[in-house]
Amino acid sequence: MPETETANFGTIYFTPESVFEFPNGLPGFEERRRFLPVQNPQTAPILFLQSMEVPSLCFTTLPIWVVDPQYCLRITEQDLEVLGFPAGHEPRIGAEVLCLAVLSIRSTGTSANLLAPVVVNLKNYKAVQAVTSESGYSHQHLLFPQEVLAC
């Protein structure tokens, strides 16, 4: 079984078909195209996206419906093509695609990027960060304000 070294999780064993492939990379990380989803039962429902190319690169995400149960996915024709869906198709979250909000954890609070979710085709594991400016969502949807985090 293949393995990869990571900065946060040590050695991880995986199956090649479990790797998410971002054919165009991620905005700001265009050269990083292969990510391994890592979930720890103690931190569920958080899903970590561990770069297969850079051991120290790992994104913290949550399923979009954990952040916003009414979330409505908007996706461009170009992103549909990358994912392997026909033009005009509206992929169903949970049935056809995994939709993840990337978290940003700062001293001022934790926010989720609802403006540009990570979308993964559940059949072929092709993935995109679906940036759609017309969606009405924010890239800094506040989850936990600083006051809540300070105990």
N, C-alpha and C. Protein backbone atom coordinates (compact mmCIF):
# COMPACT_ATOMS: atom_id res chain seq x y z
N MET A 1 0.85 -1.18 0.00
CA MET A 1 0.00 0.00 0.00
C MET A 1 0.90 1.24 0.00
N PRO A 2 0.59 2.22 -0.86
CA PRO A 2 1.41 3.44 -0.91
C PRO A 2 1.33 4.20 0.42
N GLU A 3 2.37 4.99 0.65
CA GLU A 3 2.40 5.82 1.85
C GLU A 3 2.93 7.20 1.49
N THR A 4 2.61 8.16 2.35
CA THR A 4 3.11 9.52 2.18
C THR A 4 3.47 10.07 3.54
N GLU A 5 4.50 10.90 3.56
CA GLU A 5 4.92 11.55 4.80
C GLU A 5 4.24 12.90 4.91
N THR A 6 3.78 13.24 6.11
CA THR A 6 3.13 14.52 6.34
C THR A 6 3.74 15.19 7.57
N ALA A 7 3.64 16.50 7.62
CA ALA A 7 4.15 17.24 8.77
C ALA A 7 3.24 17.11 9.98
N ASN A 8 1.93 16.95 9.75
CA ASN A 8 0.97 16.94 10.85
C ASN A 8 0.50 15.56 11.28
N PHE A 9 0.55 14.59 10.39
CA PHE A 9 -0.02 13.27 10.68
C PHE A 9 1.00 12.14 10.64
N GLY A 10 2.26 12.46 10.38
CA GLY A 10 3.28 11.42 10.24
C GLY A 10 3.10 10.68 8.94
N THR A 11 3.38 9.39 8.94
CA THR A 11 3.22 8.56 7.75
C THR A 11 1.76 8.16 7.60
N ILE A 12 1.22 8.35 6.40
CA ILE A 12 -0.16 7.95 6.11
C ILE A 12 -0.13 6.93 4.99
N TYR A 13 -0.83 5.83 5.20
CA TYR A 13 -1.01 4.82 4.16
C TYR A 13 -2.35 5.10 3.49
N PHE A 14 -2.39 4.93 2.17
CA PHE A 14 -3.60 5.28 1.43
C PHE A 14 -3.74 4.40 0.20
N THR A 15 -4.92 4.43 -0.37
CA THR A 15 -5.14 3.78 -1.65
C THR A 15 -5.11 4.86 -2.73
N PRO A 16 -4.48 4.59 -3.86
CA PRO A 16 -4.36 5.63 -4.91
C PRO A 16 -5.71 6.22 -5.33
N GLU A 17 -6.76 5.42 -5.33
CA GLU A 17 -8.05 5.94 -5.78
C GLU A 17 -8.72 6.85 -4.75
N SER A 18 -8.15 6.99 -3.56
CA SER A 18 -8.73 7.88 -2.55
C SER A 18 -8.21 9.31 -2.65
N VAL A 19 -7.26 9.56 -3.53
CA VAL A 19 -6.64 10.89 -3.66
C VAL A 19 -7.54 11.80 -4.48
N PHE A 20 -7.76 13.02 -3.98
CA PHE A 20 -8.50 14.04 -4.73
C PHE A 20 -7.52 14.69 -5.70
N GLU A 21 -7.92 14.76 -6.97
CA GLU A 21 -7.07 15.39 -7.98
C GLU A 21 -7.67 16.72 -8.42
N PHE A 22 -6.90 17.78 -8.26
CA PHE A 22 -7.27 19.12 -8.69
C PHE A 22 -6.52 19.40 -9.99
N PRO A 23 -7.12 19.13 -11.16
CA PRO A 23 -6.40 19.30 -12.43
C PRO A 23 -5.82 20.70 -12.63
N ASN A 24 -6.46 21.73 -12.06
CA ASN A 24 -5.97 23.10 -12.20
C ASN A 24 -5.32 23.61 -10.92
N GLY A 25 -5.10 22.75 -9.95
CA GLY A 25 -4.58 23.20 -8.67
C GLY A 25 -5.63 23.98 -7.91
N LEU A 26 -5.20 24.66 -6.86
CA LEU A 26 -6.07 25.52 -6.07
C LEU A 26 -5.59 26.96 -6.24
N PRO A 27 -6.50 27.93 -6.16
CA PRO A 27 -6.06 29.33 -6.26
C PRO A 27 -4.95 29.62 -5.23
N GLY A 28 -3.83 30.10 -5.74
CA GLY A 28 -2.68 30.37 -4.89
C GLY A 28 -1.76 29.17 -4.72
N PHE A 29 -2.24 28.00 -5.11
CA PHE A 29 -1.47 26.75 -5.00
C PHE A 29 -1.63 25.95 -6.29
N GLU A 30 -1.48 26.61 -7.42
CA GLU A 30 -1.75 26.00 -8.73
C GLU A 30 -0.90 24.77 -9.01
N GLU A 31 0.28 24.70 -8.43
CA GLU A 31 1.16 23.55 -8.66
C GLU A 31 0.83 22.35 -7.77
N ARG A 32 -0.04 22.54 -6.80
CA ARG A 32 -0.42 21.46 -5.88
C ARG A 32 -1.72 20.86 -6.38
N ARG A 33 -1.64 19.63 -6.87
CA ARG A 33 -2.81 19.06 -7.56
C ARG A 33 -3.36 17.78 -6.94
N ARG A 34 -2.63 17.21 -6.01
CA ARG A 34 -3.09 15.95 -5.41
C ARG A 34 -3.17 16.11 -3.90
N PHE A 35 -4.38 15.83 -3.36
CA PHE A 35 -4.62 15.96 -1.93
C PHE A 35 -5.30 14.71 -1.41
N LEU A 36 -4.86 14.31 -0.25
CA LEU A 36 -5.41 13.14 0.41
C LEU A 36 -6.37 13.60 1.50
N PRO A 37 -7.63 13.15 1.47
CA PRO A 37 -8.55 13.51 2.56
C PRO A 37 -8.19 12.71 3.80
N VAL A 38 -8.06 13.40 4.93
CA VAL A 38 -7.71 12.75 6.19
C VAL A 38 -8.75 13.14 7.22
N GLN A 39 -9.35 12.13 7.84
CA GLN A 39 -10.33 12.40 8.88
C GLN A 39 -9.94 11.65 10.14
N ASN A 40 -10.06 12.34 11.24
CA ASN A 40 -9.77 11.77 12.55
C ASN A 40 -11.08 11.71 13.32
N PRO A 41 -11.48 10.55 13.84
CA PRO A 41 -12.75 10.47 14.56
C PRO A 41 -12.88 11.49 15.70
N GLN A 42 -11.75 11.86 16.29
CA GLN A 42 -11.80 12.80 17.42
C GLN A 42 -12.06 14.24 16.98
N THR A 43 -11.86 14.55 15.69
CA THR A 43 -12.09 15.91 15.21
C THR A 43 -13.22 15.97 14.18
N ALA A 44 -13.94 14.86 13.98
CA ALA A 44 -15.04 14.84 13.02
C ALA A 44 -16.06 15.92 13.41
N PRO A 45 -16.64 16.59 12.44
CA PRO A 45 -16.67 16.32 11.01
C PRO A 45 -15.57 17.02 10.21
N ILE A 46 -14.55 17.55 10.89
CA ILE A 46 -13.46 18.20 10.16
C ILE A 46 -12.78 17.20 9.23
N LEU A 47 -12.50 17.65 8.03
CA LEU A 47 -11.77 16.85 7.04
C LEU A 47 -10.54 17.65 6.63
N PHE A 48 -9.38 17.05 6.79
CA PHE A 48 -8.13 17.69 6.40
C PHE A 48 -7.80 17.30 4.97
N LEU A 49 -7.35 18.25 4.17
CA LEU A 49 -6.89 17.97 2.81
C LEU A 49 -5.37 18.11 2.83
N GLN A 50 -4.71 16.97 2.85
CA GLN A 50 -3.25 16.90 2.95
C GLN A 50 -2.64 16.84 1.56
N SER A 51 -1.75 17.81 1.27
CA SER A 51 -1.05 17.81 -0.01
C SER A 51 -0.18 16.58 -0.13
N MET A 52 -0.21 15.95 -1.30
CA MET A 52 0.65 14.80 -1.58
C MET A 52 2.03 15.26 -2.04
N GLU A 53 2.15 16.53 -2.44
CA GLU A 53 3.43 17.05 -2.94
C GLU A 53 4.24 17.78 -1.88
N VAL A 54 3.56 18.42 -0.93
CA VAL A 54 4.24 19.21 0.10
C VAL A 54 3.78 18.74 1.47
N PRO A 55 4.63 18.04 2.22
CA PRO A 55 4.22 17.47 3.50
C PRO A 55 3.67 18.49 4.51
N SER A 56 4.07 19.75 4.42
CA SER A 56 3.61 20.75 5.38
C SER A 56 2.33 21.47 4.95
N LEU A 57 1.82 21.19 3.74
CA LEU A 57 0.62 21.87 3.25
C LEU A 57 -0.62 21.03 3.53
N CYS A 58 -1.49 21.58 4.35
CA CYS A 58 -2.71 20.87 4.72
C CYS A 58 -3.81 21.90 4.97
N PHE A 59 -4.98 21.69 4.37
CA PHE A 59 -6.11 22.58 4.56
C PHE A 59 -7.11 21.93 5.51
N THR A 60 -7.69 22.74 6.37
CA THR A 60 -8.73 22.28 7.29
C THR A 60 -10.08 22.66 6.69
N THR A 61 -10.98 21.69 6.56
CA THR A 61 -12.28 21.94 5.93
C THR A 61 -13.41 21.34 6.76
N LEU A 62 -14.60 21.79 6.46
CA LEU A 62 -15.82 21.22 7.02
C LEU A 62 -16.80 20.98 5.88
N PRO A 63 -17.61 19.92 5.95
CA PRO A 63 -18.67 19.78 4.96
C PRO A 63 -19.53 21.05 4.96
N ILE A 64 -19.85 21.52 3.78
CA ILE A 64 -20.53 22.81 3.63
C ILE A 64 -21.85 22.85 4.40
N TRP A 65 -22.57 21.74 4.45
CA TRP A 65 -23.86 21.74 5.13
C TRP A 65 -23.71 21.77 6.65
N VAL A 66 -22.53 21.50 7.18
CA VAL A 66 -22.28 21.69 8.62
C VAL A 66 -22.24 23.19 8.91
N VAL A 67 -21.68 23.95 7.99
CA VAL A 67 -21.57 25.40 8.14
C VAL A 67 -22.90 26.08 7.82
N ASP A 68 -23.54 25.67 6.74
CA ASP A 68 -24.80 26.28 6.29
C ASP A 68 -25.71 25.19 5.71
N PRO A 69 -26.66 24.70 6.52
CA PRO A 69 -27.54 23.61 6.05
C PRO A 69 -28.38 23.96 4.83
N GLN A 70 -28.51 25.25 4.51
CA GLN A 70 -29.29 25.69 3.35
C GLN A 70 -28.41 26.07 2.15
N TYR A 71 -27.13 25.71 2.20
CA TYR A 71 -26.18 26.13 1.17
C TYR A 71 -26.65 25.71 -0.22
N CYS A 72 -26.54 26.65 -1.16
CA CYS A 72 -26.92 26.39 -2.55
C CYS A 72 -25.66 26.50 -3.41
N LEU A 73 -25.24 25.40 -3.99
CA LEU A 73 -24.02 25.35 -4.79
C LEU A 73 -24.22 26.02 -6.14
N ARG A 74 -23.32 26.95 -6.46
CA ARG A 74 -23.26 27.58 -7.78
C ARG A 74 -21.92 27.18 -8.37
N ILE A 75 -21.95 26.73 -9.62
CA ILE A 75 -20.71 26.24 -10.21
C ILE A 75 -20.66 26.65 -11.69
N THR A 76 -19.50 27.06 -12.14
CA THR A 76 -19.34 27.53 -13.52
C THR A 76 -19.28 26.34 -14.49
N GLU A 77 -19.50 26.67 -15.75
CA GLU A 77 -19.41 25.65 -16.80
C GLU A 77 -18.00 25.05 -16.87
N GLN A 78 -16.98 25.89 -16.68
CA GLN A 78 -15.59 25.42 -16.72
C GLN A 78 -15.33 24.43 -15.58
N ASP A 79 -15.84 24.73 -14.39
CA ASP A 79 -15.66 23.82 -13.26
C ASP A 79 -16.42 22.52 -13.46
N LEU A 80 -17.61 22.61 -14.04
CA LEU A 80 -18.37 21.39 -14.35
C LEU A 80 -17.57 20.49 -15.28
N GLU A 81 -16.95 21.09 -16.28
CA GLU A 81 -16.14 20.32 -17.24
C GLU A 81 -14.97 19.64 -16.54
N VAL A 82 -14.26 20.37 -15.68
CA VAL A 82 -13.12 19.79 -14.94
C VAL A 82 -13.58 18.62 -14.08
N LEU A 83 -14.74 18.76 -13.47
CA LEU A 83 -15.27 17.70 -12.61
C LEU A 83 -15.79 16.49 -13.39
N GLY A 84 -16.05 16.69 -14.69
CA GLY A 84 -16.55 15.60 -15.51
C GLY A 84 -18.06 15.56 -15.64
N PHE A 85 -18.72 16.69 -15.40
CA PHE A 85 -20.17 16.78 -15.55
C PHE A 85 -20.50 17.52 -16.84
N PRO A 86 -21.66 17.23 -17.44
CA PRO A 86 -22.06 17.94 -18.66
C PRO A 86 -22.44 19.38 -18.36
N ALA A 87 -22.33 20.23 -19.36
CA ALA A 87 -22.71 21.63 -19.22
C ALA A 87 -24.16 21.72 -18.77
N GLY A 88 -24.42 22.66 -17.86
CA GLY A 88 -25.79 22.87 -17.38
C GLY A 88 -26.20 21.95 -16.24
N HIS A 89 -25.38 20.96 -15.93
CA HIS A 89 -25.71 20.02 -14.85
C HIS A 89 -25.61 20.73 -13.51
N GLU A 90 -26.51 20.44 -12.60
CA GLU A 90 -26.46 20.97 -11.24
C GLU A 90 -26.18 19.82 -10.29
N PRO A 91 -24.91 19.58 -9.96
CA PRO A 91 -24.57 18.44 -9.12
C PRO A 91 -25.18 18.54 -7.72
N ARG A 92 -25.64 17.42 -7.23
CA ARG A 92 -26.28 17.37 -5.91
C ARG A 92 -25.23 17.09 -4.84
N ILE A 93 -25.19 17.99 -3.86
CA ILE A 93 -24.28 17.82 -2.73
C ILE A 93 -24.66 16.56 -1.97
N GLY A 94 -23.68 15.74 -1.68
CA GLY A 94 -23.90 14.50 -0.94
C GLY A 94 -24.14 13.31 -1.84
N ALA A 95 -24.87 13.49 -2.92
CA ALA A 95 -25.16 12.39 -3.84
C ALA A 95 -24.13 12.29 -4.96
N GLU A 96 -23.75 13.44 -5.53
CA GLU A 96 -22.81 13.46 -6.64
C GLU A 96 -21.48 14.13 -6.30
N VAL A 97 -21.53 15.10 -5.39
CA VAL A 97 -20.32 15.83 -5.03
C VAL A 97 -20.19 15.98 -3.52
N LEU A 98 -18.96 16.04 -3.09
CA LEU A 98 -18.62 16.44 -1.75
C LEU A 98 -18.32 17.92 -1.83
N CYS A 99 -18.90 18.72 -0.95
CA CYS A 99 -18.71 20.16 -0.98
C CYS A 99 -18.16 20.58 0.38
N LEU A 100 -16.96 21.17 0.36
CA LEU A 100 -16.25 21.50 1.59
C LEU A 100 -15.96 22.99 1.69
N ALA A 101 -16.11 23.54 2.89
CA ALA A 101 -15.73 24.92 3.18
C ALA A 101 -14.34 24.90 3.81
N VAL A 102 -13.40 25.64 3.22
CA VAL A 102 -12.06 25.75 3.77
C VAL A 102 -12.12 26.72 4.96
N LEU A 103 -11.53 26.29 6.08
CA LEU A 103 -11.55 27.10 7.29
C LEU A 103 -10.31 27.97 7.39
N SER A 104 -10.48 29.13 7.98
CA SER A 104 -9.39 30.03 8.30
C SER A 104 -9.45 30.28 9.80
N ILE A 105 -8.41 29.86 10.50
CA ILE A 105 -8.39 29.96 11.96
C ILE A 105 -7.41 31.07 12.34
N ARG A 106 -7.95 32.13 12.93
CA ARG A 106 -7.14 33.30 13.30
C ARG A 106 -7.44 33.68 14.75
N SER A 107 -6.66 34.60 15.27
CA SER A 107 -6.88 35.06 16.65
C SER A 107 -8.20 35.82 16.77
N THR A 108 -8.70 36.36 15.67
CA THR A 108 -9.97 37.09 15.69
C THR A 108 -11.18 36.18 15.53
N GLY A 109 -10.96 34.91 15.28
CA GLY A 109 -12.06 33.95 15.15
C GLY A 109 -11.82 32.99 14.01
N THR A 110 -12.70 32.04 13.88
CA THR A 110 -12.63 31.04 12.81
C THR A 110 -13.70 31.34 11.79
N SER A 111 -13.30 31.35 10.52
CA SER A 111 -14.27 31.61 9.46
C SER A 111 -14.19 30.50 8.41
N ALA A 112 -15.27 30.40 7.65
CA ALA A 112 -15.36 29.40 6.57
C ALA A 112 -15.55 30.13 5.25
N ASN A 113 -14.88 29.62 4.22
CA ASN A 113 -14.99 30.20 2.89
C ASN A 113 -16.18 29.55 2.17
N LEU A 114 -17.31 30.26 2.17
CA LEU A 114 -18.50 29.77 1.47
C LEU A 114 -18.55 30.29 0.04
N LEU A 115 -17.74 31.30 -0.26
CA LEU A 115 -17.68 31.89 -1.59
C LEU A 115 -17.00 30.96 -2.59
N ALA A 116 -16.04 30.17 -2.11
CA ALA A 116 -15.26 29.30 -2.99
C ALA A 116 -15.07 27.93 -2.34
N PRO A 117 -16.13 27.12 -2.32
CA PRO A 117 -16.00 25.80 -1.70
C PRO A 117 -15.16 24.85 -2.56
N VAL A 118 -14.60 23.87 -1.91
CA VAL A 118 -13.94 22.77 -2.62
C VAL A 118 -15.04 21.79 -3.00
N VAL A 119 -15.10 21.45 -4.28
CA VAL A 119 -16.12 20.54 -4.79
C VAL A 119 -15.42 19.33 -5.40
N VAL A 120 -15.82 18.13 -4.95
CA VAL A 120 -15.19 16.89 -5.40
C VAL A 120 -16.26 15.99 -6.01
N ASN A 121 -16.03 15.56 -7.25
CA ASN A 121 -16.92 14.58 -7.89
C ASN A 121 -16.71 13.25 -7.16
N LEU A 122 -17.78 12.70 -6.59
CA LEU A 122 -17.67 11.48 -5.79
C LEU A 122 -17.43 10.21 -6.62
N LYS A 123 -17.55 10.30 -7.94
CA LYS A 123 -17.28 9.13 -8.78
C LYS A 123 -15.84 9.07 -9.25
N ASN A 124 -15.24 10.21 -9.61
CA ASN A 124 -13.89 10.18 -10.17
C ASN A 124 -12.86 10.92 -9.31
N TYR A 125 -13.30 11.55 -8.23
CA TYR A 125 -12.45 12.30 -7.27
C TYR A 125 -11.70 13.46 -7.92
N LYS A 126 -12.19 13.94 -9.06
CA LYS A 126 -11.70 15.19 -9.62
C LYS A 126 -12.27 16.31 -8.77
N ALA A 127 -11.46 17.36 -8.54
CA ALA A 127 -11.87 18.41 -7.62
C ALA A 127 -11.51 19.79 -8.14
N VAL A 128 -12.27 20.78 -7.69
CA VAL A 128 -12.01 22.19 -7.99
C VAL A 128 -12.34 23.00 -6.75
N GLN A 129 -11.75 24.18 -6.68
CA GLN A 129 -12.26 25.17 -5.73
C GLN A 129 -13.14 26.07 -6.56
N ALA A 130 -14.44 25.95 -6.36
CA ALA A 130 -15.44 26.58 -7.21
C ALA A 130 -15.68 28.02 -6.79
N VAL A 131 -14.92 28.94 -7.38
CA VAL A 131 -15.02 30.36 -7.08
C VAL A 131 -16.16 30.95 -7.90
N THR A 132 -17.19 31.45 -7.22
CA THR A 132 -18.32 32.06 -7.93
C THR A 132 -18.70 33.35 -7.23
N SER A 133 -18.37 34.46 -7.84
CA SER A 133 -18.59 35.76 -7.22
C SER A 133 -20.07 36.15 -7.14
N GLU A 134 -20.92 35.55 -7.96
CA GLU A 134 -22.34 35.92 -7.95
C GLU A 134 -23.15 35.15 -6.92
N SER A 135 -22.55 34.33 -6.11
CA SER A 135 -23.30 33.46 -5.21
C SER A 135 -23.93 34.18 -4.03
N GLY A 136 -23.36 35.32 -3.63
CA GLY A 136 -23.89 36.03 -2.46
C GLY A 136 -23.28 35.54 -1.15
N TYR A 137 -22.41 34.56 -1.21
CA TYR A 137 -21.75 34.04 -0.01
C TYR A 137 -20.44 34.79 0.24
N SER A 138 -19.93 34.66 1.46
CA SER A 138 -18.70 35.34 1.86
C SER A 138 -17.54 34.35 1.94
N HIS A 139 -16.33 34.86 1.75
CA HIS A 139 -15.14 34.04 1.94
C HIS A 139 -14.71 34.06 3.41
N GLN A 140 -15.43 34.84 4.23
CA GLN A 140 -15.11 34.92 5.66
C GLN A 140 -16.38 34.79 6.49
N HIS A 141 -17.11 33.72 6.30
CA HIS A 141 -18.31 33.46 7.08
C HIS A 141 -17.87 33.08 8.50
N LEU A 142 -18.14 33.96 9.46
CA LEU A 142 -17.64 33.78 10.82
C LEU A 142 -18.34 32.61 11.52
N LEU A 143 -17.54 31.68 12.03
CA LEU A 143 -18.07 30.52 12.75
C LEU A 143 -17.98 30.71 14.25
N PHE A 144 -16.78 31.05 14.70
CA PHE A 144 -16.53 31.18 16.13
C PHE A 144 -15.83 32.50 16.40
N PRO A 145 -16.56 33.51 16.87
CA PRO A 145 -15.91 34.77 17.19
C PRO A 145 -14.90 34.59 18.32
N GLN A 146 -13.97 35.51 18.42
CA GLN A 146 -12.91 35.44 19.43
C GLN A 146 -13.48 35.27 20.82
N GLU A 147 -14.58 35.94 21.14
CA GLU A 147 -15.16 35.87 22.49
C GLU A 147 -15.58 34.45 22.85
N VAL A 148 -16.06 33.69 21.88
CA VAL A 148 -16.49 32.32 22.13
C VAL A 148 -15.29 31.42 22.41
N LEU A 149 -14.17 31.69 21.71
CA LEU A 149 -12.99 30.87 21.86
C LEU A 149 -12.26 31.12 23.18
N ALA A 150 -12.41 32.33 23.74
CA ALA A 150 -11.72 32.65 24.99
C ALA A 150 -12.53 32.14 26.16
N CYS A 151 -11.98 31.18 26.89
CA CYS A 151 -12.69 30.59 28.04
C CYS A 151 -12.12 31.11 29.34
